[in-house]
Amino acid sequence: MPTVGELVPDFTLQDQEGKSHTLSQYRGKKVVLYFYPKDMTPGCTVQAEGMRDSMNDLEAKEIVVLGVSVDDVKSHKKFVEKHNLNFPLLADTDKKVVEEYGVWKEKSMFGKKYMGIQRDTFLIDEEGKLIQHFTKVNPLKHAGQVLEVLS
């Protein structure tokens, strides 16, 4: 897992259109790299819509938003279209990136244990170094927390 002040791991993943995004291609801009559990679920929808609705403020600060889950490109496309999302959702179907960033964790629901994504966000500076790591993000407050740190 990346630590504050260190370079974050680079990666290349496809977005909802099948276009490849390499994290290092965004050098020169700050990046909000947020990991979320699953397309079309209530918490993930609230979080994504919050980022969508804050996009003008984020873009004014030259910030790029990238969402990552283990859902596939087709699922991301449906999610983006249904909720009019205005940023890329990246498909980490082989779970390499979620493991590298330390967000693939054992979770529990109704006493049943399973592996899934912990809702974390990494704020990355223009040089590719970690500025802040938000853990167990509250979907309702997420966009506001990011903007607050950047102010």
N, C-alpha and C. Protein backbone atom coordinates (compact mmCIF):
# COMPACT_ATOMS: atom_id res chain seq x y z
N MET A 1 0.85 -1.18 0.00
CA MET A 1 0.00 0.00 0.00
C MET A 1 0.89 1.24 0.00
N PRO A 2 0.57 2.22 -0.84
CA PRO A 2 1.36 3.45 -0.89
C PRO A 2 1.26 4.22 0.43
N THR A 3 2.33 4.94 0.77
CA THR A 3 2.32 5.79 1.95
C THR A 3 2.53 7.24 1.54
N VAL A 4 2.04 8.15 2.36
CA VAL A 4 2.11 9.58 2.06
C VAL A 4 3.55 9.99 1.79
N GLY A 5 3.73 10.75 0.71
CA GLY A 5 5.05 11.25 0.32
C GLY A 5 5.78 10.36 -0.67
N GLU A 6 5.32 9.13 -0.85
CA GLU A 6 5.97 8.20 -1.78
C GLU A 6 5.24 8.17 -3.12
N LEU A 7 5.98 7.75 -4.16
CA LEU A 7 5.36 7.54 -5.46
C LEU A 7 4.36 6.40 -5.36
N VAL A 8 3.20 6.58 -5.98
CA VAL A 8 2.20 5.52 -6.00
C VAL A 8 2.50 4.56 -7.15
N PRO A 9 2.08 3.31 -7.04
CA PRO A 9 2.31 2.36 -8.13
C PRO A 9 1.59 2.79 -9.42
N ASP A 10 2.29 2.68 -10.52
CA ASP A 10 1.70 2.97 -11.82
C ASP A 10 0.92 1.75 -12.30
N PHE A 11 -0.03 1.97 -13.17
CA PHE A 11 -0.83 0.88 -13.72
C PHE A 11 -1.49 1.35 -15.00
N THR A 12 -1.99 0.41 -15.77
CA THR A 12 -2.80 0.69 -16.95
C THR A 12 -4.06 -0.17 -16.86
N LEU A 13 -5.23 0.49 -16.95
CA LEU A 13 -6.52 -0.19 -16.93
C LEU A 13 -7.42 0.42 -17.99
N GLN A 14 -8.43 -0.33 -18.40
CA GLN A 14 -9.39 0.15 -19.38
C GLN A 14 -10.59 0.80 -18.69
N ASP A 15 -11.12 1.85 -19.36
CA ASP A 15 -12.31 2.52 -18.84
C ASP A 15 -13.57 1.93 -19.47
N GLN A 16 -14.69 2.58 -19.21
CA GLN A 16 -16.00 2.09 -19.67
C GLN A 16 -16.13 2.05 -21.19
N GLU A 17 -15.24 2.73 -21.90
CA GLU A 17 -15.27 2.72 -23.37
C GLU A 17 -14.21 1.78 -23.95
N GLY A 18 -13.45 1.12 -23.07
CA GLY A 18 -12.38 0.25 -23.54
C GLY A 18 -11.08 0.99 -23.78
N LYS A 19 -11.03 2.29 -23.44
CA LYS A 19 -9.82 3.11 -23.61
C LYS A 19 -8.88 2.86 -22.44
N SER A 20 -7.59 2.69 -22.75
CA SER A 20 -6.59 2.47 -21.71
C SER A 20 -6.18 3.77 -21.04
N HIS A 21 -6.05 3.71 -19.72
CA HIS A 21 -5.57 4.84 -18.92
C HIS A 21 -4.38 4.33 -18.11
N THR A 22 -3.27 5.03 -18.24
CA THR A 22 -2.08 4.75 -17.43
C THR A 22 -1.96 5.88 -16.42
N LEU A 23 -1.83 5.54 -15.16
CA LEU A 23 -1.81 6.57 -14.13
C LEU A 23 -0.75 7.63 -14.40
N SER A 24 0.42 7.23 -14.84
CA SER A 24 1.50 8.19 -15.07
C SER A 24 1.20 9.18 -16.20
N GLN A 25 0.22 8.89 -17.04
CA GLN A 25 -0.14 9.83 -18.11
C GLN A 25 -0.75 11.12 -17.53
N TYR A 26 -1.13 11.08 -16.26
CA TYR A 26 -1.74 12.24 -15.62
C TYR A 26 -0.74 13.06 -14.81
N ARG A 27 0.56 12.78 -14.96
CA ARG A 27 1.57 13.59 -14.28
C ARG A 27 1.38 15.04 -14.73
N GLY A 28 1.56 15.94 -13.80
CA GLY A 28 1.32 17.36 -14.07
C GLY A 28 -0.04 17.81 -13.56
N LYS A 29 -0.88 16.85 -13.17
CA LYS A 29 -2.19 17.15 -12.58
C LYS A 29 -2.34 16.33 -11.30
N LYS A 30 -3.15 16.83 -10.40
CA LYS A 30 -3.50 16.02 -9.22
C LYS A 30 -4.54 14.99 -9.66
N VAL A 31 -4.52 13.84 -9.00
CA VAL A 31 -5.44 12.75 -9.33
C VAL A 31 -6.16 12.30 -8.06
N VAL A 32 -7.47 12.19 -8.16
CA VAL A 32 -8.27 11.54 -7.14
C VAL A 32 -8.52 10.13 -7.65
N LEU A 33 -7.84 9.17 -7.05
CA LEU A 33 -7.98 7.76 -7.43
C LEU A 33 -8.82 7.09 -6.35
N TYR A 34 -10.09 6.82 -6.71
CA TYR A 34 -10.95 6.24 -5.68
C TYR A 34 -11.38 4.83 -6.05
N PHE A 35 -11.33 3.98 -5.04
CA PHE A 35 -11.69 2.57 -5.17
C PHE A 35 -13.05 2.37 -4.53
N TYR A 36 -13.93 1.69 -5.24
CA TYR A 36 -15.29 1.47 -4.74
C TYR A 36 -15.69 0.02 -4.98
N PRO A 37 -16.60 -0.51 -4.14
CA PRO A 37 -16.91 -1.94 -4.19
C PRO A 37 -17.61 -2.45 -5.45
N LYS A 38 -18.68 -1.78 -5.91
CA LYS A 38 -19.46 -2.40 -6.99
C LYS A 38 -20.36 -1.39 -7.70
N ASP A 39 -20.38 -1.49 -9.02
CA ASP A 39 -21.28 -0.67 -9.83
C ASP A 39 -22.74 -0.91 -9.42
N MET A 40 -23.54 0.12 -9.53
CA MET A 40 -25.00 0.06 -9.37
C MET A 40 -25.47 -0.21 -7.94
N THR A 41 -24.59 -0.21 -6.96
CA THR A 41 -25.03 -0.40 -5.58
C THR A 41 -25.31 0.98 -4.96
N PRO A 42 -26.15 1.04 -3.94
CA PRO A 42 -26.56 2.35 -3.40
C PRO A 42 -25.40 3.25 -2.96
N GLY A 43 -24.49 2.73 -2.13
CA GLY A 43 -23.38 3.55 -1.64
C GLY A 43 -22.46 4.00 -2.76
N CYS A 44 -22.18 3.10 -3.69
CA CYS A 44 -21.28 3.44 -4.80
C CYS A 44 -21.93 4.44 -5.74
N THR A 45 -23.24 4.36 -5.89
CA THR A 45 -23.96 5.33 -6.72
C THR A 45 -23.91 6.71 -6.09
N VAL A 46 -24.16 6.80 -4.79
CA VAL A 46 -24.10 8.08 -4.08
C VAL A 46 -22.70 8.68 -4.20
N GLN A 47 -21.68 7.86 -4.02
CA GLN A 47 -20.31 8.33 -4.11
C GLN A 47 -19.99 8.84 -5.52
N ALA A 48 -20.35 8.08 -6.53
CA ALA A 48 -20.07 8.46 -7.92
C ALA A 48 -20.83 9.73 -8.30
N GLU A 49 -22.08 9.84 -7.88
CA GLU A 49 -22.86 11.04 -8.19
C GLU A 49 -22.29 12.27 -7.48
N GLY A 50 -21.76 12.09 -6.27
CA GLY A 50 -21.12 13.18 -5.57
C GLY A 50 -19.90 13.68 -6.31
N MET A 51 -19.10 12.76 -6.83
CA MET A 51 -17.93 13.15 -7.63
C MET A 51 -18.39 13.83 -8.92
N ARG A 52 -19.40 13.27 -9.55
CA ARG A 52 -19.94 13.88 -10.78
C ARG A 52 -20.39 15.31 -10.52
N ASP A 53 -21.12 15.50 -9.45
CA ASP A 53 -21.67 16.82 -9.14
C ASP A 53 -20.61 17.82 -8.70
N SER A 54 -19.45 17.35 -8.30
CA SER A 54 -18.35 18.22 -7.88
C SER A 54 -17.32 18.42 -8.98
N MET A 55 -17.57 17.86 -10.15
CA MET A 55 -16.57 17.86 -11.21
C MET A 55 -16.13 19.26 -11.63
N ASN A 56 -17.04 20.22 -11.71
CA ASN A 56 -16.63 21.57 -12.10
C ASN A 56 -15.61 22.14 -11.13
N ASP A 57 -15.84 21.95 -9.82
CA ASP A 57 -14.90 22.44 -8.81
C ASP A 57 -13.57 21.70 -8.89
N LEU A 58 -13.61 20.40 -9.13
CA LEU A 58 -12.39 19.61 -9.24
C LEU A 58 -11.60 19.98 -10.49
N GLU A 59 -12.28 20.11 -11.61
CA GLU A 59 -11.59 20.48 -12.85
C GLU A 59 -11.00 21.88 -12.78
N ALA A 60 -11.66 22.79 -12.05
CA ALA A 60 -11.12 24.15 -11.88
C ALA A 60 -9.77 24.11 -11.17
N LYS A 61 -9.54 23.08 -10.37
CA LYS A 61 -8.27 22.91 -9.67
C LYS A 61 -7.34 21.96 -10.44
N GLU A 62 -7.70 21.66 -11.69
CA GLU A 62 -6.94 20.75 -12.57
C GLU A 62 -6.76 19.37 -11.94
N ILE A 63 -7.85 18.84 -11.42
CA ILE A 63 -7.83 17.53 -10.78
C ILE A 63 -8.55 16.52 -11.66
N VAL A 64 -7.94 15.38 -11.83
CA VAL A 64 -8.51 14.27 -12.59
C VAL A 64 -9.11 13.28 -11.60
N VAL A 65 -10.29 12.77 -11.90
CA VAL A 65 -10.93 11.76 -11.06
C VAL A 65 -10.95 10.44 -11.83
N LEU A 66 -10.50 9.39 -11.16
CA LEU A 66 -10.53 8.04 -11.72
C LEU A 66 -11.14 7.12 -10.67
N GLY A 67 -12.22 6.43 -11.03
CA GLY A 67 -12.83 5.44 -10.15
C GLY A 67 -12.37 4.06 -10.56
N VAL A 68 -12.14 3.18 -9.59
CA VAL A 68 -11.67 1.82 -9.88
C VAL A 68 -12.49 0.81 -9.09
N SER A 69 -12.94 -0.23 -9.78
CA SER A 69 -13.53 -1.39 -9.13
C SER A 69 -13.14 -2.63 -9.93
N VAL A 70 -13.53 -3.79 -9.44
CA VAL A 70 -13.20 -5.03 -10.15
C VAL A 70 -14.30 -5.41 -11.15
N ASP A 71 -15.31 -4.55 -11.30
CA ASP A 71 -16.33 -4.79 -12.32
C ASP A 71 -15.71 -4.65 -13.70
N ASP A 72 -16.34 -5.26 -14.70
CA ASP A 72 -15.78 -5.22 -16.04
C ASP A 72 -16.21 -3.95 -16.80
N VAL A 73 -15.63 -3.77 -17.98
CA VAL A 73 -15.87 -2.60 -18.81
C VAL A 73 -17.36 -2.45 -19.12
N LYS A 74 -18.03 -3.55 -19.44
CA LYS A 74 -19.45 -3.52 -19.78
C LYS A 74 -20.29 -3.01 -18.61
N SER A 75 -20.00 -3.48 -17.40
CA SER A 75 -20.71 -3.03 -16.21
C SER A 75 -20.47 -1.54 -15.97
N HIS A 76 -19.21 -1.12 -16.13
CA HIS A 76 -18.88 0.31 -15.96
C HIS A 76 -19.65 1.17 -16.96
N LYS A 77 -19.76 0.70 -18.19
CA LYS A 77 -20.46 1.47 -19.22
C LYS A 77 -21.93 1.69 -18.82
N LYS A 78 -22.57 0.65 -18.34
CA LYS A 78 -23.97 0.77 -17.90
C LYS A 78 -24.09 1.76 -16.73
N PHE A 79 -23.16 1.67 -15.78
CA PHE A 79 -23.16 2.54 -14.60
C PHE A 79 -22.98 4.00 -15.01
N VAL A 80 -22.02 4.25 -15.88
CA VAL A 80 -21.75 5.61 -16.37
C VAL A 80 -22.96 6.17 -17.10
N GLU A 81 -23.54 5.37 -17.97
CA GLU A 81 -24.69 5.84 -18.75
C GLU A 81 -25.92 6.08 -17.87
N LYS A 82 -26.19 5.18 -16.95
CA LYS A 82 -27.38 5.31 -16.11
C LYS A 82 -27.32 6.54 -15.21
N HIS A 83 -26.11 6.88 -14.74
CA HIS A 83 -25.97 7.97 -13.77
C HIS A 83 -25.25 9.20 -14.35
N ASN A 84 -25.10 9.23 -15.67
CA ASN A 84 -24.48 10.37 -16.36
C ASN A 84 -23.15 10.78 -15.72
N LEU A 85 -22.30 9.80 -15.46
CA LEU A 85 -21.01 10.08 -14.84
C LEU A 85 -20.07 10.73 -15.86
N ASN A 86 -19.27 11.66 -15.40
CA ASN A 86 -18.44 12.47 -16.29
C ASN A 86 -16.94 12.28 -16.01
N PHE A 87 -16.56 11.07 -15.63
CA PHE A 87 -15.17 10.73 -15.39
C PHE A 87 -15.01 9.24 -15.65
N PRO A 88 -13.78 8.79 -15.90
CA PRO A 88 -13.56 7.37 -16.22
C PRO A 88 -13.71 6.45 -15.01
N LEU A 89 -14.31 5.30 -15.27
CA LEU A 89 -14.33 4.19 -14.32
C LEU A 89 -13.45 3.10 -14.91
N LEU A 90 -12.47 2.67 -14.13
CA LEU A 90 -11.47 1.72 -14.62
C LEU A 90 -11.75 0.32 -14.11
N ALA A 91 -11.59 -0.65 -15.00
CA ALA A 91 -11.90 -2.05 -14.71
C ALA A 91 -10.64 -2.82 -14.32
N ASP A 92 -10.58 -3.23 -13.05
CA ASP A 92 -9.45 -4.01 -12.54
C ASP A 92 -9.93 -5.46 -12.33
N THR A 93 -10.30 -6.11 -13.41
CA THR A 93 -10.92 -7.43 -13.32
C THR A 93 -9.97 -8.50 -12.80
N ASP A 94 -8.67 -8.31 -12.95
CA ASP A 94 -7.73 -9.31 -12.43
C ASP A 94 -7.28 -8.99 -11.00
N LYS A 95 -7.80 -7.90 -10.44
CA LYS A 95 -7.57 -7.49 -9.04
C LYS A 95 -6.13 -7.13 -8.74
N LYS A 96 -5.33 -6.89 -9.75
CA LYS A 96 -3.92 -6.56 -9.53
C LYS A 96 -3.76 -5.20 -8.85
N VAL A 97 -4.47 -4.20 -9.32
CA VAL A 97 -4.33 -2.85 -8.78
C VAL A 97 -4.92 -2.74 -7.38
N VAL A 98 -6.10 -3.34 -7.16
CA VAL A 98 -6.70 -3.26 -5.82
C VAL A 98 -5.81 -3.95 -4.78
N GLU A 99 -5.12 -4.99 -5.19
CA GLU A 99 -4.20 -5.66 -4.27
C GLU A 99 -2.96 -4.81 -4.04
N GLU A 100 -2.43 -4.21 -5.12
CA GLU A 100 -1.24 -3.38 -5.01
C GLU A 100 -1.47 -2.15 -4.12
N TYR A 101 -2.69 -1.61 -4.17
CA TYR A 101 -3.03 -0.44 -3.36
C TYR A 101 -3.57 -0.83 -1.98
N GLY A 102 -3.67 -2.12 -1.71
CA GLY A 102 -4.05 -2.60 -0.39
C GLY A 102 -5.51 -2.41 -0.03
N VAL A 103 -6.37 -2.32 -1.03
CA VAL A 103 -7.80 -2.11 -0.75
C VAL A 103 -8.63 -3.38 -0.94
N TRP A 104 -8.01 -4.48 -1.36
CA TRP A 104 -8.70 -5.77 -1.50
C TRP A 104 -8.62 -6.44 -0.13
N LYS A 105 -9.73 -6.45 0.59
CA LYS A 105 -9.73 -6.84 2.00
C LYS A 105 -10.81 -7.88 2.29
N GLU A 106 -10.61 -8.57 3.40
CA GLU A 106 -11.67 -9.45 3.89
C GLU A 106 -12.74 -8.58 4.52
N LYS A 107 -13.98 -8.83 4.13
CA LYS A 107 -15.11 -8.08 4.63
C LYS A 107 -16.11 -9.07 5.23
N SER A 108 -17.11 -8.53 5.90
CA SER A 108 -18.11 -9.38 6.53
C SER A 108 -19.48 -8.74 6.40
N MET A 109 -20.46 -9.56 6.02
CA MET A 109 -21.85 -9.10 5.95
C MET A 109 -22.74 -10.21 6.47
N PHE A 110 -23.56 -9.89 7.45
CA PHE A 110 -24.47 -10.86 8.06
C PHE A 110 -23.72 -12.11 8.53
N GLY A 111 -22.50 -11.88 9.06
CA GLY A 111 -21.70 -12.97 9.60
C GLY A 111 -20.94 -13.78 8.56
N LYS A 112 -21.15 -13.46 7.29
CA LYS A 112 -20.46 -14.19 6.22
C LYS A 112 -19.24 -13.38 5.77
N LYS A 113 -18.08 -14.04 5.70
CA LYS A 113 -16.85 -13.37 5.29
C LYS A 113 -16.63 -13.56 3.79
N TYR A 114 -16.10 -12.51 3.17
CA TYR A 114 -15.80 -12.54 1.73
C TYR A 114 -14.74 -11.50 1.44
N MET A 115 -14.15 -11.57 0.27
CA MET A 115 -13.15 -10.59 -0.16
C MET A 115 -13.83 -9.53 -1.01
N GLY A 116 -13.43 -8.28 -0.80
CA GLY A 116 -13.99 -7.18 -1.58
C GLY A 116 -13.16 -5.92 -1.42
N ILE A 117 -13.59 -4.88 -2.10
CA ILE A 117 -12.87 -3.61 -2.07
C ILE A 117 -13.31 -2.79 -0.87
N GLN A 118 -12.31 -2.32 -0.12
CA GLN A 118 -12.57 -1.32 0.92
C GLN A 118 -12.63 0.03 0.21
N ARG A 119 -13.60 0.83 0.56
CA ARG A 119 -13.84 2.11 -0.09
C ARG A 119 -12.77 3.12 0.37
N ASP A 120 -11.67 3.20 -0.37
CA ASP A 120 -10.55 4.09 -0.07
C ASP A 120 -10.28 5.01 -1.25
N THR A 121 -9.68 6.16 -0.94
CA THR A 121 -9.30 7.12 -1.98
C THR A 121 -7.87 7.57 -1.75
N PHE A 122 -7.15 7.69 -2.86
CA PHE A 122 -5.77 8.16 -2.83
C PHE A 122 -5.70 9.48 -3.59
N LEU A 123 -5.26 10.53 -2.91
CA LEU A 123 -5.07 11.84 -3.54
C LEU A 123 -3.60 11.93 -3.91
N ILE A 124 -3.34 12.08 -5.20
CA ILE A 124 -1.99 12.00 -5.75
C ILE A 124 -1.59 13.35 -6.33
N ASP A 125 -0.35 13.79 -6.07
CA ASP A 125 0.09 15.09 -6.56
C ASP A 125 0.57 15.02 -8.01
N GLU A 126 1.01 16.16 -8.52
CA GLU A 126 1.42 16.29 -9.92
C GLU A 126 2.64 15.44 -10.28
N GLU A 127 3.41 15.03 -9.29
CA GLU A 127 4.60 14.21 -9.54
C GLU A 127 4.34 12.73 -9.33
N GLY A 128 3.11 12.37 -8.97
CA GLY A 128 2.79 10.96 -8.76
C GLY A 128 3.00 10.50 -7.33
N LYS A 129 3.13 11.45 -6.40
CA LYS A 129 3.32 11.10 -4.99
C LYS A 129 2.00 11.21 -4.24
N LEU A 130 1.84 10.35 -3.25
CA LEU A 130 0.61 10.35 -2.45
C LEU A 130 0.59 11.55 -1.51
N ILE A 131 -0.49 12.34 -1.60
CA ILE A 131 -0.71 13.48 -0.71
C ILE A 131 -1.51 13.04 0.51
N GLN A 132 -2.59 12.28 0.23
CA GLN A 132 -3.46 11.84 1.32
C GLN A 132 -4.15 10.53 0.95
N HIS A 133 -4.35 9.69 1.97
CA HIS A 133 -5.06 8.43 1.81
C HIS A 133 -6.30 8.50 2.70
N PHE A 134 -7.46 8.49 2.07
CA PHE A 134 -8.73 8.46 2.79
C PHE A 134 -9.14 7.00 2.94
N THR A 135 -9.37 6.54 4.16
CA THR A 135 -9.75 5.14 4.36
C THR A 135 -11.22 5.03 4.76
N LYS A 136 -11.82 3.93 4.36
CA LYS A 136 -13.23 3.64 4.68
C LYS A 136 -14.09 4.89 4.48
N VAL A 137 -14.05 5.39 3.29
CA VAL A 137 -14.71 6.64 2.92
C VAL A 137 -16.23 6.56 3.12
N ASN A 138 -16.81 7.66 3.60
CA ASN A 138 -18.26 7.80 3.68
C ASN A 138 -18.73 8.31 2.32
N PRO A 139 -19.54 7.53 1.58
CA PRO A 139 -19.94 7.93 0.23
C PRO A 139 -20.66 9.28 0.17
N LEU A 140 -21.42 9.61 1.20
CA LEU A 140 -22.17 10.87 1.20
C LEU A 140 -21.27 12.09 1.32
N LYS A 141 -20.15 11.94 1.99
CA LYS A 141 -19.27 13.08 2.29
C LYS A 141 -17.99 13.10 1.47
N HIS A 142 -17.80 12.11 0.65
CA HIS A 142 -16.52 11.91 -0.01
C HIS A 142 -16.06 13.09 -0.85
N ALA A 143 -16.87 13.55 -1.78
CA ALA A 143 -16.45 14.64 -2.67
C ALA A 143 -16.12 15.89 -1.85
N GLY A 144 -16.91 16.19 -0.86
CA GLY A 144 -16.66 17.34 -0.01
C GLY A 144 -15.35 17.23 0.75
N GLN A 145 -15.02 16.02 1.23
CA GLN A 145 -13.77 15.80 1.95
C GLN A 145 -12.57 16.06 1.03
N VAL A 146 -12.66 15.58 -0.19
CA VAL A 146 -11.58 15.76 -1.16
C VAL A 146 -11.39 17.25 -1.44
N LEU A 147 -12.49 17.95 -1.70
CA LEU A 147 -12.39 19.38 -1.99
C LEU A 147 -11.85 20.16 -0.80
N GLU A 148 -12.22 19.75 0.40
CA GLU A 148 -11.75 20.43 1.61
C GLU A 148 -10.23 20.32 1.73
N VAL A 149 -9.69 19.13 1.48
CA VAL A 149 -8.25 18.93 1.56
C VAL A 149 -7.53 19.76 0.52
N LEU A 150 -8.14 19.92 -0.64
CA LEU A 150 -7.49 20.65 -1.73
C LEU A 150 -7.61 22.17 -1.61
N SER A 151 -8.42 22.63 -0.69
CA SER A 151 -8.62 24.09 -0.53
C SER A 151 -7.51 24.71 0.29
